[in-house]
Amino acid sequence: MKKFKIANLSLFALAGLLLVTIGLTFAVAALLMNINDRQEEEAAFPLQVVEIPEGEIDPAVWGLNFPVQYDSFSRTRENYGRTPYGGSEPYSKLERFPAMVRLWAGYAFSRDHNEDRGHHYSQIDQANTLRVELVSQPGACINCHSGETPQLIEEMGWETFNSTPYNELRDDLHFGSVCADCHDPETMALRLTRPGLINALADQGINWEEASRQEMRTYVCAQCHVEYYFQGENKLLTFPWSQGTTIEDIEAHYDSYGFTDWTHAETGAPMLKMQHPEYEMWTTSLHAASGVSCADCHMPYVREGSVKVSDHWVRSPLENLNAACQTCHRVSEEDLYDRVITIQNRTALLLHDTENALLAAIDTIVGAKNAGATDEELANVYALHRASQLRWDFVSSENSTGFHSPQEAARVLALAIDYARQAQLSALQITDSLATTAVND
């Protein structure tokens, strides 16, 4: 009987010890979770070493409160080298792709066009390009190249800022891309600071202030990585999205009132120069349809200790495949790299074929003009030349070499080749007709 009581007491003691152990385990787990939560909160809302007032654009000041983000942002000044079709090492695209010299004949891009460096250099490289010396560019060019832009707009007014010559403002510019371009200094929430995109979205019935954080992770990039033009005598920076963002929509916008960037020096055709329509190309992609933002690939989330932050070293995902791609794609880095380069190689071949078709068209148009063809007789040929080169430029000036939307890039270049060959054939027919008329006379 005593043995039974002793056994029961031992069982009760073990049960009690077990309950105490479980309780302590839960307490420790709760404490650890609380510590982690506080660390995450501290990362989101760190100790404010300094107050960042509205209008503060020096990234170093923001970096006092956000050192992790600032450290990675500062790396945009580093040259991480070339990728097969991009990277951060500047080189002359005119030397690498000599067809561009003739395709842009008569336009400043035919004299100077280089591979971009990191965001740190956005104003430095603009100030040093030959294009600002060859052409009196408007202040509108500063919109995407300097963190001083919002302050200048507030001080000068939107219209005056855009129309003031760039060279009158360049000495007052000291920063490239800055934290304030994309973040509210009080809450660090993503925001838009450039009227070009704000106006374009409003025209489409979109209120960016109601956008989700994921949508904003694309919109802040679309402030600059887009096609744009300078509208009217005041050179207002405008996005040609009145009818949509596909190349056909953009073409229809320009054609609706006969907008022209320059007249081609060899053919005499009224031409359009595409800028860098990364956003427009992305809108047609599977990534866009799946809700993948620009920042997911170019500024992926990374771990710094127990903290998750966006990597502000904005660069090619090829340099960071693990964080940029493998979060979603469960395949090896080698397979991911090969997939990207396969797409880019195929797009590059299509671009080369389009360039050859355009050069053949240009030669044939020049031949028709030398044979006596008038501008009136060549009007349809000019339109085909313009339509073809517009599409080539849409893909060529979009900095992913097709990767942002492979199917769309291939579709657009197929049409570009078709239009160029139509222009060549039409010009040849006009030349033959003139020769026949001359013989008959």
Protein backbone atom coordinates (compact mmCIF):
# COMPACT_ATOMS: atom_id res chain seq x y z
CA MET A 1 0.00 0.00 0.00
CA LYS A 2 2.84 2.42 0.82
CA LYS A 3 4.57 1.54 -2.40
CA PHE A 4 1.37 2.43 -4.31
CA LYS A 5 1.13 5.81 -2.56
CA ILE A 6 4.77 6.52 -3.21
CA ALA A 7 4.27 5.60 -6.89
CA ASN A 8 1.25 7.89 -7.12
CA LEU A 9 3.19 10.72 -5.54
CA SER A 10 6.00 10.17 -8.07
CA LEU A 11 3.53 10.31 -10.94
CA PHE A 12 1.97 13.49 -9.58
CA ALA A 13 5.44 15.01 -9.19
CA LEU A 14 6.40 14.08 -12.75
CA ALA A 15 3.12 15.45 -14.09
CA GLY A 16 3.66 18.68 -12.19
CA LEU A 17 7.21 18.94 -13.41
CA LEU A 18 6.00 18.35 -16.96
CA LEU A 19 3.38 21.09 -16.67
CA VAL A 20 5.95 23.50 -15.26
CA THR A 21 8.33 22.64 -18.09
CA ILE A 22 5.62 23.17 -20.72
CA GLY A 23 4.68 26.45 -19.10
CA LEU A 24 8.27 27.65 -19.07
CA THR A 25 8.70 26.57 -22.69
CA PHE A 26 5.68 28.58 -23.78
CA ALA A 27 6.88 31.54 -21.72
CA VAL A 28 10.33 31.44 -23.31
CA ALA A 29 8.82 31.04 -26.80
CA ALA A 30 6.49 33.98 -26.18
CA LEU A 31 9.43 36.06 -24.96
CA LEU A 32 11.48 35.21 -28.05
CA MET A 33 8.55 36.01 -30.33
CA ASN A 34 8.08 39.31 -28.52
CA ILE A 35 11.75 40.16 -28.91
CA ASN A 36 11.59 39.31 -32.64
CA ASP A 37 8.43 41.41 -33.05
CA ARG A 38 10.13 44.34 -31.35
CA GLN A 39 13.16 43.90 -33.62
CA GLU A 40 10.91 43.89 -36.69
CA GLU A 41 9.10 46.98 -35.40
CA GLU A 42 12.41 48.68 -34.71
CA ALA A 43 13.48 47.92 -38.27
CA ALA A 44 10.28 49.42 -39.64
CA PHE A 45 10.32 52.37 -37.25
CA PRO A 46 13.88 52.69 -35.99
CA LEU A 47 15.09 55.06 -33.36
CA GLN A 48 14.97 58.52 -34.92
CA VAL A 49 18.53 59.74 -34.58
CA VAL A 50 17.60 62.88 -36.48
CA GLU A 51 14.33 64.37 -37.63
CA ILE A 52 14.00 64.22 -41.40
CA PRO A 53 12.03 67.26 -42.51
CA GLU A 54 10.03 67.47 -45.72
CA GLY A 55 12.44 68.64 -48.39
CA GLU A 56 15.54 66.90 -47.02
CA ILE A 57 17.08 65.15 -50.00
CA ASP A 58 20.58 64.23 -48.84
CA PRO A 59 20.59 60.39 -48.60
CA ALA A 60 23.32 60.56 -45.95
CA VAL A 61 20.92 62.32 -43.57
CA TRP A 62 18.25 59.66 -44.12
CA GLY A 63 20.96 57.07 -43.58
CA LEU A 64 21.39 58.16 -39.95
CA ASN A 65 17.94 56.69 -39.26
CA PHE A 66 18.04 53.91 -41.86
CA PRO A 67 21.65 52.69 -41.99
CA VAL A 68 20.89 49.26 -43.48
CA GLN A 69 18.95 50.69 -46.41
CA TYR A 70 21.45 53.51 -46.88
CA ASP A 71 24.41 51.14 -46.98
CA SER A 72 22.85 49.12 -49.80
CA PHE A 73 21.66 52.26 -51.63
CA SER A 74 25.22 53.62 -51.49
CA ARG A 75 26.37 50.59 -53.45
CA THR A 76 24.64 51.95 -56.57
CA ARG A 77 27.88 53.84 -57.10
CA GLU A 78 29.78 50.56 -57.42
CA ASN A 79 30.67 49.12 -60.79
CA TYR A 80 29.67 45.46 -60.57
CA GLY A 81 30.67 44.94 -64.20
CA ARG A 82 28.82 43.90 -67.32
CA THR A 83 26.06 41.41 -67.81
CA PRO A 84 25.66 40.03 -71.36
CA TYR A 85 23.27 42.88 -72.26
CA GLY A 86 23.60 45.42 -69.47
CA GLY A 87 25.31 45.95 -66.14
CA SER A 88 26.90 48.99 -64.52
CA GLU A 89 29.99 49.45 -66.66
CA PRO A 90 29.53 52.32 -69.12
CA TYR A 91 30.32 51.70 -72.77
CA SER A 92 29.29 53.24 -76.07
CA LYS A 93 26.22 51.55 -77.47
CA LEU A 94 26.93 53.26 -80.78
CA GLU A 95 30.19 51.35 -81.01
CA ARG A 96 28.61 48.06 -80.00
CA PHE A 97 25.56 48.57 -82.25
CA PRO A 98 26.78 50.78 -85.12
CA ALA A 99 23.45 50.58 -86.96
CA MET A 100 22.09 53.05 -84.39
CA VAL A 101 24.16 55.84 -85.94
CA ARG A 102 22.17 55.67 -89.17
CA LEU A 103 18.87 54.76 -87.57
CA TRP A 104 18.98 57.96 -85.51
CA ALA A 105 20.58 60.07 -88.25
CA GLY A 106 19.99 63.74 -87.57
CA TYR A 107 19.19 63.18 -83.89
CA ALA A 108 21.54 63.73 -80.93
CA PHE A 109 21.37 60.05 -79.94
CA SER A 110 23.32 59.24 -83.10
CA ARG A 111 26.26 61.11 -81.58
CA ASP A 112 26.24 59.88 -77.99
CA HIS A 113 24.42 56.92 -76.42
CA ASN A 114 25.97 54.96 -73.55
CA GLU A 115 25.08 52.14 -71.19
CA ASP A 116 23.66 53.49 -67.92
CA ARG A 117 25.44 53.21 -64.60
CA GLY A 118 23.82 52.94 -61.16
CA HIS A 119 21.21 55.34 -59.74
CA HIS A 120 23.94 57.29 -57.95
CA TYR A 121 25.14 58.54 -61.33
CA SER A 122 21.80 59.56 -62.82
CA GLN A 123 22.59 63.29 -62.70
CA ILE A 124 26.36 62.97 -63.12
CA ASP A 125 26.00 61.02 -66.36
CA GLN A 126 23.31 63.33 -67.70
CA ALA A 127 25.50 66.38 -67.10
CA ASN A 128 28.37 64.71 -68.94
CA THR A 129 26.54 63.41 -71.99
CA LEU A 130 27.35 65.08 -75.29
CA ARG A 131 23.62 65.38 -75.98
CA VAL A 132 23.21 68.32 -73.57
CA GLU A 133 25.90 70.13 -75.54
CA LEU A 134 24.55 69.32 -78.98
CA VAL A 135 20.96 70.34 -78.24
CA SER A 136 19.48 72.96 -75.94
CA GLN A 137 17.55 70.54 -73.77
CA PRO A 138 14.74 71.77 -71.51
CA GLY A 139 14.64 71.50 -67.73
CA ALA A 140 12.09 68.74 -68.24
CA CYS A 141 15.09 66.45 -68.78
CA ILE A 142 15.95 66.83 -65.09
CA ASN A 143 12.71 65.17 -63.94
CA CYS A 144 14.19 61.72 -63.56
CA HIS A 145 17.84 62.59 -63.09
CA SER A 146 17.98 64.68 -59.94
CA GLY A 147 16.57 64.56 -56.43
CA GLU A 148 16.26 68.36 -56.57
CA THR A 149 13.37 68.07 -59.04
CA PRO A 150 10.43 68.34 -56.55
CA GLN A 151 12.00 71.40 -54.89
CA LEU A 152 12.61 73.10 -58.24
CA ILE A 153 9.02 72.41 -59.29
CA GLU A 154 7.73 73.89 -56.03
CA GLU A 155 9.92 76.97 -56.36
CA MET A 156 9.50 77.60 -60.09
CA GLY A 157 6.14 76.08 -60.94
CA TRP A 158 5.60 73.05 -63.17
CA GLU A 159 5.53 74.87 -66.51
CA THR A 160 8.47 77.16 -65.82
CA PHE A 161 10.60 74.32 -64.52
CA ASN A 162 10.00 72.23 -67.65
CA SER A 163 10.61 75.03 -70.14
CA THR A 164 13.72 76.53 -68.52
CA PRO A 165 16.82 75.37 -70.43
CA TYR A 166 18.67 72.54 -68.72
CA ASN A 167 22.00 74.35 -68.93
CA GLU A 168 20.57 77.20 -66.82
CA LEU A 169 19.77 74.78 -64.01
CA ARG A 170 22.59 72.23 -64.14
CA ASP A 171 24.93 74.07 -61.75
CA ASP A 172 22.27 73.86 -59.01
CA LEU A 173 22.01 70.07 -59.23
CA HIS A 174 23.98 68.02 -56.73
CA PHE A 175 22.16 64.71 -56.35
CA GLY A 176 21.07 61.85 -58.53
CA SER A 177 18.33 59.55 -57.24
CA VAL A 178 17.56 60.09 -53.55
CA CYS A 179 15.48 58.52 -50.78
CA ALA A 180 12.92 61.33 -50.93
CA ASP A 181 12.08 60.43 -54.53
CA CYS A 182 10.15 57.40 -53.29
CA HIS A 183 9.65 57.73 -49.51
CA ASP A 184 7.69 60.00 -47.19
CA PRO A 185 10.24 61.33 -44.64
CA GLU A 186 7.83 61.03 -41.70
CA THR A 187 6.33 57.59 -42.26
CA MET A 188 8.74 56.10 -44.82
CA ALA A 189 5.67 55.07 -46.82
CA LEU A 190 6.19 54.82 -50.57
CA ARG A 191 4.96 57.89 -52.44
CA LEU A 192 5.03 59.55 -55.85
CA THR A 193 6.88 62.83 -56.28
CA ARG A 194 6.91 63.28 -60.07
CA PRO A 195 3.95 65.03 -61.75
CA GLY A 196 4.48 63.16 -65.03
CA LEU A 197 3.30 59.83 -63.60
CA ILE A 198 0.78 61.39 -61.22
CA ASN A 199 -0.90 63.18 -64.15
CA ALA A 200 -0.77 60.09 -66.39
CA LEU A 201 -2.40 57.90 -63.74
CA ALA A 202 -5.05 60.53 -63.03
CA ASP A 203 -5.91 60.66 -66.73
CA GLN A 204 -6.51 56.91 -66.53
CA GLY A 205 -8.75 57.33 -63.49
CA ILE A 206 -6.15 55.90 -61.08
CA ASN A 207 -5.61 57.49 -57.67
CA TRP A 208 -2.14 56.39 -56.64
CA GLU A 209 -2.85 57.27 -53.00
CA GLU A 210 -5.26 54.32 -52.90
CA ALA A 211 -2.70 51.88 -54.35
CA SER A 212 -1.49 48.89 -52.34
CA ARG A 213 2.10 48.72 -51.13
CA GLN A 214 2.79 46.06 -53.75
CA GLU A 215 1.45 48.33 -56.50
CA MET A 216 3.57 51.17 -55.15
CA ARG A 217 6.65 48.96 -55.45
CA THR A 218 6.14 49.35 -59.19
CA TYR A 219 4.69 52.88 -59.37
CA VAL A 220 7.73 54.48 -57.73
CA CYS A 221 9.86 52.98 -60.51
CA ALA A 222 7.38 54.04 -63.19
CA GLN A 223 8.04 57.66 -62.29
CA CYS A 224 11.10 57.41 -64.53
CA HIS A 225 11.41 54.06 -66.30
CA VAL A 226 8.86 54.96 -68.98
CA GLU A 227 8.41 56.50 -72.41
CA TYR A 228 7.79 60.25 -72.27
CA TYR A 229 7.90 63.36 -74.41
CA PHE A 230 7.93 67.14 -74.07
CA GLN A 231 4.50 68.52 -74.91
CA GLY A 232 3.93 71.95 -76.43
CA GLU A 233 6.02 75.09 -76.29
CA ASN A 234 6.41 74.80 -72.52
CA LYS A 235 7.99 71.35 -72.94
CA LEU A 236 5.75 69.75 -70.31
CA LEU A 237 7.01 66.26 -69.52
CA THR A 238 4.12 63.99 -70.52
CA PHE A 239 3.52 60.24 -70.76
CA PRO A 240 1.77 59.22 -74.03
CA TRP A 241 -0.79 56.99 -72.30
CA SER A 242 -4.04 58.64 -73.34
CA GLN A 243 -5.05 55.46 -75.17
CA GLY A 244 -3.08 52.87 -73.17
CA THR A 245 0.48 51.65 -72.71
CA THR A 246 1.08 49.19 -75.57
CA ILE A 247 3.20 50.29 -78.52
CA GLU A 248 0.06 50.58 -80.66
CA ASP A 249 -1.58 52.77 -78.00
CA ILE A 250 1.49 54.99 -77.77
CA GLU A 251 1.71 55.26 -81.56
CA ALA A 252 -1.98 56.22 -81.74
CA HIS A 253 -1.43 58.91 -79.12
CA TYR A 254 1.40 60.50 -81.10
CA ASP A 255 -0.33 60.10 -84.46
CA SER A 256 -3.52 61.72 -83.15
CA TYR A 257 -1.87 65.12 -83.49
CA GLY A 258 1.17 64.38 -85.65
CA PHE A 259 3.85 64.61 -82.98
CA THR A 260 7.43 64.21 -84.22
CA ASP A 261 10.75 64.16 -82.37
CA TRP A 262 12.91 64.81 -85.43
CA THR A 263 13.14 64.42 -89.19
CA HIS A 264 15.38 61.59 -90.32
CA ALA A 265 18.46 63.08 -91.95
CA GLU A 266 18.64 60.50 -94.76
CA THR A 267 15.05 59.64 -95.60
CA GLY A 268 13.20 62.77 -94.50
CA ALA A 269 10.65 60.72 -92.55
CA PRO A 270 9.07 62.28 -89.43
CA MET A 271 10.40 60.11 -86.59
CA LEU A 272 9.74 59.26 -82.97
CA LYS A 273 12.44 58.45 -80.40
CA MET A 274 11.47 56.01 -77.66
CA GLN A 275 13.12 56.56 -74.29
CA HIS A 276 13.15 53.67 -71.80
CA PRO A 277 9.68 52.07 -71.67
CA GLU A 278 10.41 49.42 -69.05
CA TYR A 279 7.07 49.98 -67.30
CA GLU A 280 5.04 49.80 -70.49
CA MET A 281 6.76 46.58 -71.57
CA TRP A 282 6.30 45.07 -68.10
CA THR A 283 2.53 45.70 -68.18
CA THR A 284 2.18 43.03 -70.91
CA SER A 285 4.14 40.38 -69.00
CA LEU A 286 3.27 37.27 -67.01
CA HIS A 287 5.09 38.84 -64.07
CA ALA A 288 2.74 41.82 -64.15
CA ALA A 289 -0.31 39.58 -64.44
CA SER A 290 0.97 37.61 -61.43
CA GLY A 291 1.39 40.72 -59.28
CA VAL A 292 5.19 40.75 -59.37
CA SER A 293 6.51 44.29 -58.92
CA CYS A 294 9.68 45.92 -60.23
CA ALA A 295 11.14 45.95 -56.71
CA ASP A 296 10.54 42.22 -56.22
CA CYS A 297 13.26 41.53 -58.80
CA HIS A 298 15.47 44.62 -58.74
CA MET A 299 15.18 45.38 -54.99
CA PRO A 300 14.32 41.97 -53.49
CA TYR A 301 13.79 41.45 -49.79
CA VAL A 302 16.94 40.38 -47.95
CA ARG A 303 17.73 39.45 -44.36
CA GLU A 304 20.00 41.60 -42.21
CA GLY A 305 20.18 39.61 -38.99
CA SER A 306 16.60 39.18 -37.86
CA VAL A 307 15.38 42.05 -40.05
CA LYS A 308 13.84 41.79 -43.53
CA VAL A 309 14.42 44.84 -45.74
CA SER A 310 14.39 45.70 -49.43
CA ASP A 311 17.83 45.64 -50.98
CA HIS A 312 18.37 49.21 -52.18
CA TRP A 313 21.33 48.27 -54.36
CA VAL A 314 19.19 48.52 -57.47
CA ARG A 315 20.82 46.32 -60.10
CA SER A 316 20.36 43.52 -62.59
CA PRO A 317 18.68 40.44 -61.06
CA LEU A 318 21.38 38.40 -62.78
CA GLU A 319 23.71 39.64 -60.04
CA ASN A 320 21.42 38.38 -57.29
CA LEU A 321 19.51 35.38 -58.62
CA ASN A 322 18.98 33.79 -55.24
CA ALA A 323 17.00 36.67 -53.73
CA ALA A 324 15.62 38.05 -56.98
CA CYS A 325 14.38 34.85 -58.62
CA GLN A 326 14.57 31.79 -56.40
CA THR A 327 11.99 33.12 -53.97
CA CYS A 328 9.41 32.14 -56.59
CA HIS A 329 11.28 29.87 -59.01
CA ARG A 330 12.47 26.67 -57.35
CA VAL A 331 15.18 25.83 -59.86
CA SER A 332 18.94 26.20 -59.81
CA GLU A 333 20.67 29.53 -60.33
CA GLU A 334 22.38 28.07 -63.41
CA ASP A 335 19.01 27.18 -64.98
CA LEU A 336 17.59 30.62 -64.14
CA TYR A 337 20.61 32.37 -65.64
CA ASP A 338 20.42 30.27 -68.80
CA ARG A 339 16.71 31.03 -69.17
CA VAL A 340 17.28 34.78 -68.95
CA ILE A 341 20.17 34.75 -71.42
CA THR A 342 18.24 32.54 -73.86
CA ILE A 343 15.46 35.12 -73.94
CA GLN A 344 17.90 37.98 -74.34
CA ASN A 345 19.93 36.23 -77.05
CA ARG A 346 16.80 35.59 -79.10
CA THR A 347 15.61 39.17 -78.64
CA ALA A 348 19.05 40.48 -79.63
CA LEU A 349 18.92 38.44 -82.86
CA LEU A 350 15.50 39.88 -83.65
CA LEU A 351 16.79 43.39 -82.96
CA HIS A 352 19.71 42.76 -85.33
CA ASP A 353 17.36 41.45 -88.04
CA THR A 354 15.17 44.53 -87.59
CA GLU A 355 18.17 46.83 -87.88
CA ASN A 356 19.18 45.17 -91.14
CA ALA A 357 15.65 45.52 -92.49
CA LEU A 358 15.54 49.19 -91.49
CA LEU A 359 18.92 49.94 -93.06
CA ALA A 360 17.77 48.29 -96.28
CA ALA A 361 14.61 50.41 -96.19
CA ILE A 362 16.63 53.57 -95.59
CA ASP A 363 18.92 52.79 -98.55
CA THR A 364 15.95 52.15 -100.82
CA ILE A 365 14.13 55.32 -99.72
CA VAL A 366 17.28 57.36 -100.36
CA GLY A 367 17.49 55.72 -103.79
CA ALA A 368 13.88 56.71 -104.52
CA LYS A 369 14.55 60.31 -103.49
CA ASN A 370 17.64 60.39 -105.71
CA ALA A 371 15.49 59.11 -108.55
CA GLY A 372 13.20 62.11 -108.09
CA ALA A 373 10.49 60.82 -105.73
CA THR A 374 8.66 63.61 -103.93
CA ASP A 375 7.67 63.75 -100.28
CA GLU A 376 4.05 63.38 -101.38
CA GLU A 377 4.85 60.20 -103.31
CA LEU A 378 6.82 58.85 -100.36
CA ALA A 379 4.27 59.74 -97.66
CA ASN A 380 3.19 56.12 -97.12
CA VAL A 381 6.81 54.96 -97.18
CA TYR A 382 7.66 57.54 -94.51
CA ALA A 383 4.80 56.26 -92.37
CA LEU A 384 6.09 52.69 -92.68
CA HIS A 385 9.64 53.79 -91.83
CA ARG A 386 8.34 55.63 -88.76
CA ALA A 387 6.17 52.70 -87.64
CA SER A 388 8.98 50.19 -88.04
CA GLN A 389 11.66 52.17 -86.25
CA LEU A 390 9.24 53.14 -83.49
CA ARG A 391 8.80 49.45 -82.70
CA TRP A 392 12.48 48.63 -82.98
CA ASP A 393 13.27 51.52 -80.63
CA PHE A 394 10.55 50.43 -78.18
CA VAL A 395 12.40 47.14 -77.63
CA SER A 396 15.94 48.44 -78.11
CA SER A 397 15.59 51.32 -75.63
CA GLU A 398 13.76 49.15 -73.10
CA ASN A 399 16.61 47.98 -70.94
CA SER A 400 15.81 44.29 -70.44
CA THR A 401 16.60 43.08 -74.00
CA GLY A 402 13.19 41.46 -74.09
CA PHE A 403 13.15 39.81 -70.67
CA HIS A 404 10.48 42.04 -69.12
CA SER A 405 7.98 40.59 -71.61
CA PRO A 406 9.49 38.09 -74.06
CA GLN A 407 6.35 37.39 -76.09
CA GLU A 408 5.57 41.10 -76.49
CA ALA A 409 9.13 41.94 -77.48
CA ALA A 410 9.07 39.24 -80.17
CA ARG A 411 5.64 40.37 -81.42
CA VAL A 412 6.70 44.01 -81.65
CA LEU A 413 9.94 43.20 -83.49
CA ALA A 414 8.13 40.90 -85.93
CA LEU A 415 5.90 43.84 -86.87
CA ALA A 416 8.94 46.12 -87.07
CA ILE A 417 10.62 43.82 -89.61
CA ASP A 418 7.40 43.56 -91.60
CA TYR A 419 6.92 47.34 -91.77
CA ALA A 420 10.56 47.90 -92.73
CA ARG A 421 10.30 45.43 -95.61
CA GLN A 422 7.03 47.02 -96.70
CA ALA A 423 8.76 50.41 -96.72
CA GLN A 424 11.64 48.97 -98.74
CA LEU A 425 9.31 47.35 -101.27
CA SER A 426 7.12 50.45 -101.63
CA ALA A 427 10.15 52.69 -102.16
CA LEU A 428 11.52 50.27 -104.75
CA GLN A 429 8.19 50.25 -106.60
CA ILE A 430 8.20 54.05 -106.67
CA THR A 431 11.76 54.06 -108.05
CA ASP A 432 10.82 51.53 -110.74
CA SER A 433 7.75 53.58 -111.64
CA LEU A 434 9.84 56.72 -112.01
CA ALA A 435 12.35 54.87 -114.18
CA THR A 436 9.56 53.53 -116.41
CA THR A 437 8.06 57.01 -116.77
CA ALA A 438 11.45 58.45 -117.68
CA VAL A 439 11.99 55.82 -120.41
CA ASN A 440 8.51 56.40 -121.85
CA ASP A 441 9.08 60.15 -121.91
